[in-house]
Amino acid sequence: MTAPPSQPGVLAPLPLFARYLTLQLQHGDASAALRRFEGVVPAEDAVLGFGAAFLAAAGANIPDMRPFPLLPGALVDLPHTPASVWIWIRGDEPGDLVHATRRWQQIAGDGFATTSVVDGFQWRDSRDLSGYVDGTENPTGEAAARCAIADGPAGLGGSSFVAVQRWRHDFAALERMSQQERDESVGRRLADNAELFDAPASAHVKRTAQEGFEPEAFILRRSMPWSDPTGAGLQFVAFGRSLDAFDAQLRRMSGAEDGVVDALFRFTRPESGATFWVPPVTASGALDLSAAG
């Protein structure tokens, strides 16, 4: 049997603009609340995910789904901010996001409260606001699908799992660093994006070298810059066929593995953290929640 397809926005190119919407169930039956999303067609303009606690309350047992990791031995703060529903809204202009947000809030219904709205955008040639290209080592084509989309029985094949963090940059701290310090923190030269093979062990590219884990820890990054009146940074979004690769990378970045903290923490810090199950869609493109019971 052919596995159901994944939500198309998972593998689609990054949009020009994005909105990251989180909803929390405030009242009502969780199972009925989940069913409000069944049969909805996300197309490429949105990707939907459901949190572990919400799925459990709805009686859904999704193998490999678990909350954002709490890492013993982590040497930095890794906030855990779960939500019932995560919606990555995608568009070509900000007005698209406004109308799509209203649509999804109406689909969810009054039982849900909107707990977070973060607006993202593409900057230059897919650069983070630090100036460095983001996602250079992303797998592409069939390799991207293999690392981001799970196979399995009906209702689970075509699933994905996503880890989401909002990172807030300290631009004053970044500006105090010399260009060499910045390059060595990232592990790439800003001028040409070339990897520094003699970078220190704390360099981000060394901390997260996907082939340097056992087993290899490949993820599909779909991160974008964000900005609001309080500041700016990177909305980190990483899809995987499971959450194992993300957990392994975060453990190493945080120093929990070997006591070496990723040098990115010199100028940026996460202020949120959540994981979600991203269900597949049917042949007609509608959300397939059959695995949720």
Protein backbone atom coordinates (compact mmCIF):
# COMPACT_ATOMS: atom_id res chain seq x y z
CA MET A 1 0.00 0.00 0.00
CA THR A 2 1.30 3.44 -0.90
CA ALA A 3 1.77 5.67 2.15
CA PRO A 4 -0.38 8.80 2.29
CA PRO A 5 1.42 11.93 1.16
CA SER A 6 2.84 14.46 3.58
CA GLN A 7 1.46 17.94 4.03
CA PRO A 8 2.85 19.72 0.95
CA GLY A 9 4.18 22.72 2.87
CA VAL A 10 6.75 20.54 4.65
CA LEU A 11 8.87 20.04 1.54
CA ALA A 12 7.85 23.15 -0.39
CA PRO A 13 10.31 26.04 -0.76
CA LEU A 14 10.20 28.71 1.93
CA PRO A 15 7.52 31.35 1.40
CA LEU A 16 8.25 35.05 1.25
CA PHE A 17 6.28 35.62 4.46
CA ALA A 18 5.13 33.36 7.27
CA ARG A 19 3.13 33.42 10.47
CA TYR A 20 3.60 30.91 13.28
CA LEU A 21 0.36 30.53 15.20
CA THR A 22 -0.07 28.48 18.38
CA LEU A 23 -3.40 27.58 19.92
CA GLN A 24 -4.16 26.13 23.34
CA LEU A 25 -7.33 24.20 24.14
CA GLN A 26 -9.03 26.08 26.97
CA HIS A 27 -12.30 24.19 27.31
CA GLY A 28 -14.23 21.40 25.67
CA ASP A 29 -13.52 17.78 24.82
CA ALA A 30 -10.05 17.30 23.35
CA SER A 31 -11.14 14.49 21.04
CA ALA A 32 -13.95 16.60 19.58
CA ALA A 33 -11.58 19.55 19.29
CA LEU A 34 -9.08 17.45 17.34
CA ARG A 35 -11.82 16.25 15.00
CA ARG A 36 -12.58 19.83 14.00
CA PHE A 37 -9.40 19.66 11.91
CA GLU A 38 -10.19 16.34 10.23
CA GLY A 39 -10.74 16.70 6.51
CA VAL A 40 -9.40 20.26 6.35
CA VAL A 41 -7.17 20.87 3.33
CA PRO A 42 -3.97 22.76 4.26
CA ALA A 43 -2.51 22.80 0.69
CA GLU A 44 0.84 24.65 0.53
CA ASP A 45 -0.36 27.70 2.45
CA ALA A 46 -0.19 26.05 5.88
CA VAL A 47 1.36 23.19 7.85
CA LEU A 48 -0.46 21.93 10.95
CA GLY A 49 0.93 20.10 13.95
CA PHE A 50 -0.54 18.84 17.23
CA GLY A 51 1.17 18.80 20.63
CA ALA A 52 1.82 15.73 22.78
CA ALA A 53 -0.41 16.69 25.72
CA PHE A 54 -3.31 17.61 23.44
CA LEU A 55 -3.01 14.33 21.53
CA ALA A 56 -2.90 12.37 24.78
CA ALA A 57 -5.99 14.19 26.08
CA ALA A 58 -7.75 13.33 22.82
CA GLY A 59 -6.90 9.64 23.30
CA ALA A 60 -4.44 9.58 20.40
CA ASN A 61 -1.35 7.39 20.70
CA ILE A 62 1.16 8.53 18.08
CA PRO A 63 4.36 6.45 18.19
CA ASP A 64 7.53 8.56 18.52
CA MET A 65 5.58 11.65 19.61
CA ARG A 66 6.90 13.23 22.80
CA PRO A 67 7.18 16.69 24.38
CA PHE A 68 10.07 19.07 23.88
CA PRO A 69 13.12 17.46 25.54
CA LEU A 70 14.17 18.29 29.08
CA LEU A 71 17.92 17.65 28.94
CA PRO A 72 19.75 16.75 32.17
CA GLY A 73 23.16 18.38 32.15
CA ALA A 74 22.27 21.19 29.75
CA LEU A 75 24.44 24.23 30.47
CA VAL A 76 22.01 26.76 28.98
CA ASP A 77 18.33 27.48 29.50
CA LEU A 78 16.06 25.67 27.02
CA PRO A 79 12.50 26.91 27.57
CA HIS A 80 9.65 24.44 27.18
CA THR A 81 6.49 26.15 25.88
CA PRO A 82 4.03 23.47 24.71
CA ALA A 83 0.84 24.19 22.79
CA SER A 84 -2.12 22.18 21.56
CA VAL A 85 -1.89 23.22 17.91
CA TRP A 86 0.86 24.79 15.81
CA ILE A 87 0.08 26.30 12.41
CA TRP A 88 2.78 27.54 10.05
CA ILE A 89 0.92 29.90 7.74
CA ARG A 90 2.69 30.66 4.46
CA GLY A 91 2.08 33.48 1.98
CA ASP A 92 3.43 35.83 -0.66
CA GLU A 93 2.43 38.98 1.20
CA PRO A 94 1.48 39.92 4.77
CA GLY A 95 -2.19 40.38 3.92
CA ASP A 96 -2.41 36.70 3.01
CA LEU A 97 -1.37 35.85 6.56
CA VAL A 98 -4.05 38.04 8.13
CA HIS A 99 -6.89 36.35 6.27
CA ALA A 100 -5.43 32.86 6.71
CA THR A 101 -5.07 33.44 10.47
CA ARG A 102 -8.76 34.29 10.73
CA ARG A 103 -9.66 31.19 8.75
CA TRP A 104 -7.68 28.85 10.99
CA GLN A 105 -9.00 30.46 14.18
CA GLN A 106 -12.53 29.95 12.89
CA ILE A 107 -11.82 26.31 12.02
CA ALA A 108 -10.40 25.70 15.49
CA GLY A 109 -13.42 27.26 17.19
CA ASP A 110 -14.02 29.00 20.49
CA GLY A 111 -12.53 26.22 22.59
CA PHE A 112 -9.03 27.31 21.58
CA ALA A 113 -7.19 30.46 22.63
CA THR A 114 -4.44 31.96 20.49
CA THR A 115 -1.33 31.91 22.66
CA SER A 116 1.39 33.06 20.25
CA VAL A 117 1.67 34.83 16.91
CA VAL A 118 5.14 35.26 15.38
CA ASP A 119 5.62 36.81 11.94
CA GLY A 120 8.50 35.64 9.77
CA PHE A 121 9.99 36.65 6.45
CA GLN A 122 12.77 35.82 4.03
CA TRP A 123 15.80 38.09 4.12
CA ARG A 124 18.17 38.38 1.20
CA ASP A 125 19.35 34.93 0.05
CA SER A 126 17.80 32.97 2.95
CA ARG A 127 19.99 34.66 5.57
CA ASP A 128 19.51 34.84 9.29
CA LEU A 129 19.50 38.37 10.72
CA SER A 130 23.03 37.73 11.98
CA GLY A 131 23.98 37.94 8.30
CA TYR A 132 24.83 34.25 7.80
CA VAL A 133 23.06 31.94 5.37
CA ASP A 134 20.70 29.61 7.23
CA GLY A 135 20.25 25.94 6.36
CA THR A 136 23.33 25.52 4.14
CA GLU A 137 23.57 21.80 4.94
CA ASN A 138 19.87 21.10 4.38
CA PRO A 139 19.19 17.87 2.48
CA THR A 140 17.36 18.33 -0.82
CA GLY A 141 15.12 16.30 -3.10
CA GLU A 142 14.63 12.68 -2.11
CA ALA A 143 17.11 13.05 0.76
CA ALA A 144 14.93 15.78 2.27
CA ALA A 145 11.88 13.57 2.06
CA ARG A 146 13.72 10.62 3.63
CA CYS A 147 14.84 12.62 6.67
CA ALA A 148 11.63 14.65 7.17
CA ILE A 149 8.82 12.21 6.33
CA ALA A 150 8.06 8.98 8.18
CA ASP A 151 7.01 5.75 6.56
CA GLY A 152 4.79 3.29 8.35
CA PRO A 153 1.27 1.91 8.45
CA ALA A 154 -1.79 3.75 7.19
CA GLY A 155 -2.35 7.00 9.05
CA LEU A 156 1.30 7.28 10.08
CA GLY A 157 3.08 7.03 6.73
CA GLY A 158 3.52 10.57 5.48
CA SER A 159 3.70 11.93 9.03
CA SER A 160 6.41 14.26 10.17
CA PHE A 161 7.53 15.62 13.52
CA VAL A 162 8.53 19.23 13.99
CA ALA A 163 10.58 21.02 16.63
CA VAL A 164 9.99 24.76 16.95
CA GLN A 165 12.01 27.39 18.85
CA ARG A 166 11.96 31.16 18.74
CA TRP A 167 15.52 32.46 19.13
CA ARG A 168 16.02 36.10 20.14
CA HIS A 169 19.24 37.72 18.97
CA ASP A 170 21.33 40.06 21.08
CA PHE A 171 22.55 42.32 18.30
CA ALA A 172 24.60 44.47 20.69
CA ALA A 173 26.55 41.36 21.76
CA LEU A 174 27.02 40.37 18.13
CA GLU A 175 28.32 43.82 17.24
CA ARG A 176 30.90 43.65 20.05
CA MET A 177 32.41 40.54 18.45
CA SER A 178 35.09 40.88 15.79
CA GLN A 179 34.38 39.44 12.36
CA GLN A 180 36.73 36.57 13.11
CA GLU A 181 34.90 35.81 16.36
CA ARG A 182 31.58 35.81 14.54
CA ASP A 183 32.88 33.51 11.81
CA GLU A 184 34.39 31.14 14.37
CA SER A 185 31.14 31.08 16.37
CA VAL A 186 29.14 30.05 13.32
CA GLY A 187 31.93 28.03 11.71
CA ARG A 188 31.59 29.76 8.33
CA ARG A 189 32.99 32.88 6.73
CA LEU A 190 30.38 35.57 6.33
CA ALA A 191 32.06 36.76 3.13
CA ASP A 192 31.55 33.58 1.09
CA ASN A 193 29.70 31.10 3.38
CA ALA A 194 32.67 28.72 3.20
CA GLU A 195 33.06 26.36 6.15
CA LEU A 196 36.02 26.94 8.47
CA PHE A 197 37.55 23.51 8.87
CA ASP A 198 39.87 24.79 11.62
CA ALA A 199 37.01 26.39 13.58
CA PRO A 200 36.93 25.73 17.35
CA ALA A 201 34.98 22.81 18.78
CA SER A 202 32.24 25.21 19.92
CA ALA A 203 31.49 26.41 16.36
CA HIS A 204 27.86 25.85 15.42
CA VAL A 205 28.65 23.86 12.28
CA LYS A 206 30.79 21.47 14.32
CA ARG A 207 28.23 21.14 17.09
CA THR A 208 25.49 20.26 14.59
CA ALA A 209 27.35 18.38 11.83
CA GLN A 210 24.56 15.98 10.93
CA GLU A 211 26.83 13.19 9.75
CA GLY A 212 28.86 13.47 12.97
CA PHE A 213 26.26 11.68 15.11
CA GLU A 214 25.66 7.97 15.60
CA PRO A 215 23.20 7.40 14.05
CA GLU A 216 23.41 10.38 11.69
CA ALA A 217 21.13 13.22 12.79
CA PHE A 218 19.65 14.73 9.64
CA ILE A 219 16.83 17.26 9.93
CA LEU A 220 15.10 19.48 7.40
CA ARG A 221 15.36 23.10 8.52
CA ARG A 222 12.62 25.51 7.51
CA SER A 223 13.69 28.44 9.68
CA MET A 224 12.98 32.12 8.93
CA PRO A 225 13.84 35.46 10.55
CA TRP A 226 11.21 37.07 12.75
CA SER A 227 10.74 40.61 14.02
CA ASP A 228 8.32 42.55 16.19
CA PRO A 229 8.50 45.77 18.26
CA THR A 230 10.28 43.89 21.10
CA GLY A 231 13.18 42.55 19.05
CA ALA A 232 14.11 40.07 16.34
CA GLY A 233 15.81 36.75 15.73
CA LEU A 234 15.27 33.36 14.11
CA GLN A 235 12.15 31.22 14.19
CA PHE A 236 13.76 27.79 14.14
CA VAL A 237 11.67 25.06 12.53
CA ALA A 238 13.06 21.55 11.96
CA PHE A 239 11.14 18.62 10.49
CA GLY A 240 12.15 15.00 10.96
CA ARG A 241 10.85 11.48 10.44
CA SER A 242 11.15 11.32 14.24
CA LEU A 243 12.36 13.70 16.94
CA ASP A 244 15.57 11.74 17.55
CA ALA A 245 17.83 13.83 15.33
CA PHE A 246 16.65 17.13 16.81
CA ASP A 247 17.10 15.81 20.35
CA ALA A 248 20.64 14.68 19.56
CA GLN A 249 21.60 18.04 18.06
CA LEU A 250 20.09 20.02 20.93
CA ARG A 251 21.84 17.82 23.50
CA ARG A 252 25.19 18.57 21.89
CA MET A 253 24.49 22.30 21.37
CA SER A 254 23.50 22.74 25.01
CA GLY A 255 26.66 21.12 26.38
CA ALA A 256 24.71 18.23 27.89
CA GLU A 257 26.72 15.73 25.85
CA ASP A 258 30.32 16.84 26.45
CA GLY A 259 30.28 20.14 28.32
CA VAL A 260 30.95 22.25 25.20
CA VAL A 261 28.23 24.84 24.56
CA ASP A 262 27.47 25.95 21.01
CA ALA A 263 29.05 29.37 20.41
CA LEU A 264 25.76 30.68 18.98
CA PHE A 265 24.69 31.17 22.58
CA ARG A 266 27.13 34.08 22.71
CA PHE A 267 24.63 36.22 20.81
CA THR A 268 21.29 34.42 20.68
CA ARG A 269 19.04 32.47 23.05
CA PRO A 270 15.86 30.41 22.62
CA GLU A 271 12.81 31.78 24.38
CA SER A 272 10.37 29.05 23.37
CA GLY A 273 10.45 25.34 22.59
CA ALA A 274 7.78 22.89 21.49
CA THR A 275 7.31 19.74 19.42
CA PHE A 276 4.35 18.66 17.30
CA TRP A 277 3.09 15.72 15.29
CA VAL A 278 2.44 16.78 11.68
CA PRO A 279 -0.14 14.33 10.31
CA PRO A 280 -0.21 13.24 6.67
CA VAL A 281 -2.91 14.08 4.18
CA THR A 282 -5.20 11.87 2.13
CA ALA A 283 -5.01 11.53 -1.65
CA SER A 284 -7.43 14.47 -1.86
CA GLY A 285 -5.14 16.64 0.26
CA ALA A 286 -7.24 16.62 3.45
CA LEU A 287 -5.67 16.08 6.87
CA ASP A 288 -5.57 12.38 7.71
CA LEU A 289 -6.16 11.91 11.43
CA SER A 290 -6.95 8.21 11.25
CA ALA A 291 -3.82 7.38 13.29
CA ALA A 292 -5.25 9.52 16.12
CA GLY A 293 -8.01 6.99 16.68
